[in-house]
Amino acid sequence: MFKPLRLVFVSAIGVSVVVACGSSDESPVQSSTDGGADSSINNGGDGGGGGGGGGTLCDTAAANACTGTRKCDPALGCVECVADTDCTAAGRDPFCILGRCEACRTNTDCGVAAPACWPSDHRCHASCLVDAGAGGARCGQQSANNLPICDPATGACIGCTAATDCPATAPICEPNTKTCVACAANTDCPAARPRCSIPSFRCVACLVNADCAAGQICNGENQCVAGCTDNTQCTNAEAPKCNTTTGRCVQCQGAGDCTGVANRPLCVTNGDRAGRCVQCTNNADCTDGGAAGTPFCGNNNTCVQCLRRQDCPGNNAQCDNGVCN
């Protein structure tokens, strides 16, 4: 039997978006501009926040560009896509919506078996306008994400049509996803967390460095922490360069920064020792530049006699901390 459904007519509305940026997850050398101890901060990386916005500090400049195949959306940060053309790779859904490659934008993108494009997940589902017993979708506890309302215009199960459908913990009916969320704009957020992060639709302390006090940066957890934005803020002679991707003061960002550093002419640019001037980064640096009899680059980026026992002459020789004995 066809069971009565709660039918509410809705209309599509645009979504208001605020500025957020993303960054890489390079390991820092120094935690602040005052030469303090190391303290790792994940500036959003490319994996945070699901397929959409994932952090802070991205822009189109090379220094703050997103890594891998991620794109920098000036409104969302480092995302999977900024246009449908970014969703053409094999295995990706074809439509770019709020920084994610999704399966459908409207019902016209769906087939007969699953004709309703649900705005909450942009996937094709059975229509809620058909009796659930005859293959249709039943909204409420039986539907994905417990979406209680059947939209008669589209056949999609949705979370809300207006704020009156939403609880106090998520009082905003977000028009693009038609779900109840904590915020859809900065004006929806309290003073302690004044920025609305989209597409997670949650209130956070910051989205960009400008949201923080002087001497602070906005990290990947959307918190204001001590950090740098340019070299002038790096006053410790041992770490005079500002890595603007991580917001950390480091010793170097390239080999040219290590000129004049005794026995450490090279700059490590990746890994947990990134930003340090060192003697070597691989064995090739130790053939001519390394000290005589130390042809291997050790774990601490210094040239050593050996890395393992087989590197030492003699049947009974052992390699102890880079020294044959």
Protein backbone atom coordinates (compact mmCIF):
# COMPACT_ATOMS: atom_id res chain seq x y z
CA MET A 1 0.00 0.00 0.00
CA PHE A 2 1.09 3.55 -0.66
CA LYS A 3 1.78 5.18 2.72
CA PRO A 4 1.21 8.90 3.33
CA LEU A 5 4.41 10.91 3.31
CA ARG A 6 5.22 14.23 4.80
CA LEU A 7 5.37 16.42 1.67
CA VAL A 8 6.87 19.88 1.82
CA PHE A 9 7.46 22.05 -1.22
CA VAL A 10 10.90 23.59 -1.37
CA SER A 11 12.83 25.89 -3.64
CA ALA A 12 16.48 25.93 -4.55
CA ILE A 13 18.56 28.72 -3.10
CA GLY A 14 22.23 29.61 -3.53
CA VAL A 15 24.77 28.97 -0.80
CA SER A 16 26.77 31.77 0.80
CA VAL A 17 30.48 30.93 1.00
CA VAL A 18 33.27 32.45 3.08
CA VAL A 19 37.00 32.50 2.49
CA ALA A 20 39.14 29.57 3.67
CA CYS A 21 42.49 28.28 2.56
CA GLY A 22 44.51 25.05 2.83
CA SER A 23 48.15 24.02 3.05
CA SER A 24 50.58 21.19 3.00
CA ASP A 25 51.62 19.02 5.93
CA GLU A 26 55.39 19.60 5.82
CA SER A 27 57.08 19.02 9.18
CA PRO A 28 58.27 22.22 10.91
CA VAL A 29 61.65 22.94 12.48
CA GLN A 30 60.77 25.59 15.01
CA SER A 31 57.46 26.26 16.68
CA SER A 32 57.49 30.04 16.79
CA THR A 33 59.38 33.20 16.01
CA ASP A 34 61.17 33.18 19.35
CA GLY A 35 63.29 30.09 18.75
CA GLY A 36 61.19 27.71 20.85
CA ALA A 37 61.17 23.94 20.75
CA ASP A 38 59.73 21.90 17.89
CA SER A 39 55.96 21.55 17.80
CA SER A 40 54.28 19.87 14.84
CA ILE A 41 51.18 21.45 13.37
CA ASN A 42 49.19 19.94 10.55
CA ASN A 43 48.16 22.83 8.37
CA GLY A 44 45.25 21.09 6.82
CA GLY A 45 47.19 18.82 4.57
CA ASP A 46 45.30 17.48 1.58
CA GLY A 47 43.41 14.92 3.44
CA GLY A 48 41.54 16.98 5.96
CA GLY A 49 37.86 17.75 5.80
CA GLY A 50 36.93 14.90 3.48
CA GLY A 51 36.93 15.61 -0.24
CA GLY A 52 36.11 19.27 0.17
CA GLY A 53 37.88 22.05 2.05
CA GLY A 54 40.65 20.74 4.19
CA GLY A 55 42.40 23.51 6.12
CA THR A 56 43.97 26.93 5.78
CA LEU A 57 46.70 28.94 4.08
CA CYS A 58 46.35 27.87 0.46
CA ASP A 59 46.57 30.28 -2.44
CA THR A 60 47.70 30.16 -6.03
CA ALA A 61 51.28 31.20 -5.18
CA ALA A 62 53.82 28.40 -5.44
CA ALA A 63 54.82 28.74 -1.79
CA ASN A 64 51.31 28.01 -0.53
CA ALA A 65 49.95 25.90 -3.37
CA CYS A 66 48.05 22.68 -2.65
CA THR A 67 49.95 19.43 -3.06
CA GLY A 68 49.27 16.40 -5.23
CA THR A 69 46.17 16.67 -7.42
CA ARG A 70 44.36 19.02 -5.03
CA LYS A 71 43.17 22.43 -6.25
CA CYS A 72 43.13 25.72 -4.38
CA ASP A 73 39.65 27.20 -4.20
CA PRO A 74 39.89 30.73 -2.74
CA ALA A 75 36.58 30.17 -0.95
CA LEU A 76 37.05 26.59 0.27
CA GLY A 77 40.81 25.93 0.53
CA CYS A 78 42.57 22.84 -0.85
CA VAL A 79 39.89 20.74 -2.50
CA GLU A 80 39.41 17.83 -4.85
CA CYS A 81 38.04 20.06 -7.61
CA VAL A 82 37.08 23.60 -8.55
CA ALA A 83 35.23 22.72 -11.78
CA ASP A 84 33.67 19.68 -13.46
CA THR A 85 36.75 19.42 -15.66
CA ASP A 86 38.73 18.39 -12.57
CA CYS A 87 36.46 15.35 -12.18
CA THR A 88 37.21 13.57 -15.45
CA ALA A 89 39.82 11.11 -14.15
CA ALA A 90 38.90 7.43 -14.06
CA GLY A 91 37.09 6.47 -10.86
CA ARG A 92 35.93 10.00 -10.07
CA ASP A 93 32.32 11.14 -10.01
CA PRO A 94 31.71 13.76 -12.73
CA PHE A 95 30.24 16.82 -10.99
CA CYS A 96 32.22 19.31 -8.88
CA ILE A 97 30.05 20.50 -5.99
CA LEU A 98 31.55 22.43 -3.04
CA GLY A 99 35.02 21.13 -3.82
CA ARG A 100 34.05 17.46 -4.16
CA CYS A 101 33.52 15.29 -7.22
CA GLU A 102 29.95 14.04 -6.85
CA ALA A 103 27.69 11.60 -8.71
CA CYS A 104 24.83 13.98 -9.52
CA ARG A 105 23.80 17.60 -9.42
CA THR A 106 20.08 17.20 -10.31
CA ASN A 107 17.65 14.39 -11.13
CA THR A 108 18.54 14.65 -14.81
CA ASP A 109 21.91 13.10 -13.93
CA CYS A 110 20.23 9.94 -12.57
CA GLY A 111 18.79 6.84 -14.20
CA VAL A 112 15.41 5.14 -14.03
CA ALA A 113 16.37 2.69 -11.25
CA ALA A 114 17.46 5.49 -8.90
CA PRO A 115 15.92 8.70 -10.27
CA ALA A 116 16.28 11.09 -7.31
CA CYS A 117 19.49 13.06 -6.70
CA TRP A 118 19.58 13.67 -2.96
CA PRO A 119 21.22 17.04 -2.14
CA SER A 120 22.59 15.73 1.16
CA ASP A 121 25.10 13.41 -0.54
CA HIS A 122 24.65 14.15 -4.28
CA ARG A 123 24.00 10.48 -5.00
CA CYS A 124 21.18 8.92 -7.01
CA HIS A 125 18.57 7.17 -4.85
CA ALA A 126 15.11 5.69 -5.19
CA SER A 127 12.40 8.34 -5.20
CA CYS A 128 10.49 8.96 -2.00
CA LEU A 129 7.40 9.69 -4.10
CA VAL A 130 7.06 5.95 -4.79
CA ASP A 131 5.63 3.58 -2.17
CA ALA A 132 8.61 2.20 -0.21
CA GLY A 133 7.09 -1.27 -0.46
CA ALA A 134 7.24 -0.97 -4.25
CA GLY A 135 10.89 0.02 -4.39
CA GLY A 136 10.70 3.64 -3.37
CA ALA A 137 12.62 5.39 -0.58
CA ARG A 138 10.99 5.86 2.82
CA CYS A 139 12.23 9.04 4.49
CA GLY A 140 13.02 9.19 8.19
CA GLN A 141 14.65 6.40 10.19
CA GLN A 142 14.66 4.11 7.15
CA SER A 143 16.55 6.56 4.90
CA ALA A 144 20.25 7.35 4.74
CA ASN A 145 21.30 9.98 7.32
CA ASN A 146 17.81 9.95 8.87
CA LEU A 147 16.41 12.59 6.50
CA PRO A 148 12.75 12.95 7.51
CA ILE A 149 11.18 15.04 4.74
CA CYS A 150 10.11 13.92 1.26
CA ASP A 151 10.58 16.72 -1.27
CA PRO A 152 7.67 16.40 -3.71
CA ALA A 153 9.46 18.45 -6.36
CA THR A 154 12.40 16.03 -6.67
CA GLY A 155 11.54 12.82 -4.82
CA ALA A 156 14.57 13.28 -2.58
CA CYS A 157 14.68 12.71 1.16
CA ILE A 158 15.94 15.91 2.75
CA GLY A 159 16.72 17.13 6.25
CA CYS A 160 14.92 20.45 6.18
CA THR A 161 13.11 23.08 4.18
CA ALA A 162 13.45 25.88 6.75
CA ALA A 163 15.16 26.59 10.07
CA THR A 164 11.98 25.53 11.87
CA ASP A 165 12.77 21.93 10.86
CA CYS A 166 16.16 22.04 12.64
CA PRO A 167 17.25 21.37 16.26
CA ALA A 168 19.02 23.91 18.47
CA THR A 169 22.36 22.11 18.01
CA ALA A 170 22.19 22.62 14.22
CA PRO A 171 19.77 25.51 13.77
CA ILE A 172 20.50 26.46 10.14
CA CYS A 173 18.81 24.84 7.14
CA GLU A 174 21.66 24.89 4.62
CA PRO A 175 20.06 25.51 1.19
CA ASN A 176 22.56 23.64 -0.99
CA THR A 177 22.44 20.33 0.91
CA LYS A 178 19.03 20.86 2.53
CA THR A 179 20.37 19.58 5.84
CA CYS A 180 20.49 21.12 9.32
CA VAL A 181 23.95 22.54 10.10
CA ALA A 182 25.67 24.70 12.71
CA CYS A 183 26.35 27.56 10.30
CA ALA A 184 26.11 28.70 6.69
CA ALA A 185 27.82 32.09 7.14
CA ASN A 186 30.05 33.88 9.65
CA THR A 187 27.05 35.68 11.10
CA ASP A 188 25.73 32.32 12.35
CA CYS A 189 28.78 31.79 14.62
CA PRO A 190 29.55 32.89 18.21
CA ALA A 191 32.34 35.30 19.14
CA ALA A 192 34.60 32.49 20.41
CA ARG A 193 34.42 30.74 17.00
CA PRO A 194 33.53 33.55 14.60
CA ARG A 195 34.19 31.89 11.23
CA CYS A 196 32.00 29.37 9.38
CA SER A 197 34.05 26.66 7.68
CA ILE A 198 32.44 25.43 4.46
CA PRO A 199 31.66 22.71 3.39
CA SER A 200 31.84 21.24 6.90
CA PHE A 201 29.44 24.01 8.00
CA ARG A 202 30.96 24.31 11.47
CA CYS A 203 32.03 27.37 13.46
CA VAL A 204 35.81 27.69 13.95
CA ALA A 205 38.29 30.20 15.37
CA CYS A 206 39.89 31.06 12.03
CA LEU A 207 40.00 30.36 8.31
CA VAL A 208 43.02 32.45 7.27
CA ASN A 209 45.99 34.07 9.03
CA ALA A 210 44.25 37.45 8.96
CA ASP A 211 41.66 36.06 11.39
CA CYS A 212 44.38 35.69 14.06
CA ALA A 213 46.30 38.15 16.23
CA ALA A 214 49.75 39.45 15.30
CA GLY A 215 52.41 36.73 15.55
CA GLN A 216 49.87 33.95 15.01
CA ILE A 217 48.80 31.81 12.07
CA CYS A 218 45.68 29.77 11.39
CA ASN A 219 46.59 26.09 11.48
CA GLY A 220 44.95 23.07 9.84
CA GLU A 221 42.63 22.58 12.81
CA ASN A 222 41.37 26.15 12.28
CA GLN A 223 43.01 27.35 15.50
CA CYS A 224 45.17 30.45 15.97
CA VAL A 225 48.68 29.42 17.07
CA ALA A 226 52.12 31.04 17.24
CA GLY A 227 53.77 31.18 13.81
CA CYS A 228 55.29 33.35 11.11
CA THR A 229 54.16 34.79 7.79
CA ASP A 230 57.46 36.37 6.66
CA ASN A 231 61.18 36.39 7.48
CA THR A 232 60.98 39.57 9.57
CA GLN A 233 59.16 37.59 12.26
CA CYS A 234 61.98 35.02 12.53
CA THR A 235 64.38 36.71 14.95
CA ASN A 236 66.40 33.66 16.03
CA ALA A 237 69.71 33.54 14.15
CA GLU A 238 69.51 29.73 14.06
CA ALA A 239 66.17 29.84 12.21
CA PRO A 240 65.97 33.08 10.21
CA LYS A 241 63.70 31.92 7.37
CA CYS A 242 59.91 31.72 7.45
CA ASN A 243 58.40 28.69 5.78
CA THR A 244 55.08 30.27 4.83
CA THR A 245 53.54 26.87 4.09
CA THR A 246 53.94 25.63 7.66
CA GLY A 247 54.18 29.02 9.39
CA ARG A 248 57.47 27.90 10.98
CA CYS A 249 60.83 29.63 11.32
CA VAL A 250 63.51 27.37 9.85
CA GLN A 251 67.23 27.49 9.21
CA CYS A 252 66.90 27.21 5.44
CA GLN A 253 64.52 26.73 2.54
CA GLY A 254 67.15 26.13 -0.14
CA ALA A 255 70.87 25.42 -0.54
CA GLY A 256 71.59 29.13 -0.94
CA ASP A 257 70.47 29.71 2.65
CA CYS A 258 73.24 27.41 3.93
CA THR A 259 76.14 29.34 2.38
CA GLY A 260 78.66 30.04 5.11
CA VAL A 261 77.35 27.35 7.49
CA ALA A 262 80.48 25.34 8.34
CA ASN A 263 80.41 21.76 7.00
CA ARG A 264 76.67 22.00 6.34
CA PRO A 265 76.21 23.43 2.83
CA LEU A 266 72.98 21.63 1.91
CA CYS A 267 69.33 22.25 2.90
CA VAL A 268 66.93 19.42 3.66
CA THR A 269 63.64 20.26 1.94
CA ASN A 270 61.40 17.36 2.99
CA GLY A 271 60.88 14.84 5.78
CA ASP A 272 61.16 15.38 9.51
CA ARG A 273 64.48 17.25 9.15
CA ALA A 274 63.17 19.73 6.57
CA GLY A 275 64.51 23.27 6.97
CA ARG A 276 67.93 22.26 8.38
CA CYS A 277 71.38 22.90 6.91
CA VAL A 278 73.23 19.59 6.72
CA GLN A 279 76.41 17.99 5.41
CA CYS A 280 74.65 15.56 3.08
CA THR A 281 71.25 14.47 1.81
CA ASN A 282 72.42 11.30 0.02
CA ASN A 283 75.60 9.25 -0.50
CA ALA A 284 76.55 11.24 -3.60
CA ASP A 285 77.20 14.26 -1.38
CA CYS A 286 79.87 12.29 0.50
CA THR A 287 82.07 11.09 -2.39
CA ASP A 288 83.91 14.38 -2.88
CA GLY A 289 82.45 16.76 -0.32
CA GLY A 290 82.51 14.35 2.63
CA ALA A 291 85.52 13.77 4.86
CA ALA A 292 88.02 11.09 3.71
CA GLY A 293 86.83 7.59 4.53
CA THR A 294 83.20 8.62 5.15
CA PRO A 295 81.39 7.76 1.89
CA PHE A 296 77.89 7.27 3.31
CA CYS A 297 75.18 9.77 4.28
CA GLY A 298 73.91 8.79 7.73
CA ASN A 299 70.49 9.19 9.30
CA ASN A 300 71.45 12.54 10.82
CA ASN A 301 72.60 13.86 7.41
CA THR A 302 76.32 13.67 8.16
CA CYS A 303 78.90 11.69 6.18
CA VAL A 304 79.88 8.49 7.99
CA GLN A 305 82.12 5.47 7.48
CA CYS A 306 79.30 2.96 7.39
CA LEU A 307 75.57 2.37 7.52
CA ARG A 308 75.71 -1.38 8.17
CA ARG A 309 78.27 -4.06 8.99
CA GLN A 310 78.84 -4.96 5.34
CA ASP A 311 80.22 -1.46 4.73
CA CYS A 312 83.19 -2.13 7.02
CA PRO A 313 86.39 -4.00 6.01
CA GLY A 314 87.25 -7.25 7.76
CA ASN A 315 85.15 -10.26 8.66
CA ASN A 316 84.59 -9.27 12.27
CA ALA A 317 84.13 -5.52 11.82
CA GLN A 318 81.00 -3.87 13.16
CA CYS A 319 79.25 -0.61 12.28
CA ASP A 320 78.53 1.38 15.42
CA ASN A 321 76.77 4.74 14.92
CA GLY A 322 78.40 5.23 11.54
CA VAL A 323 81.89 4.18 12.65
CA CYS A 324 83.63 0.90 11.74
CA ASN A 325 85.25 -0.81 14.73
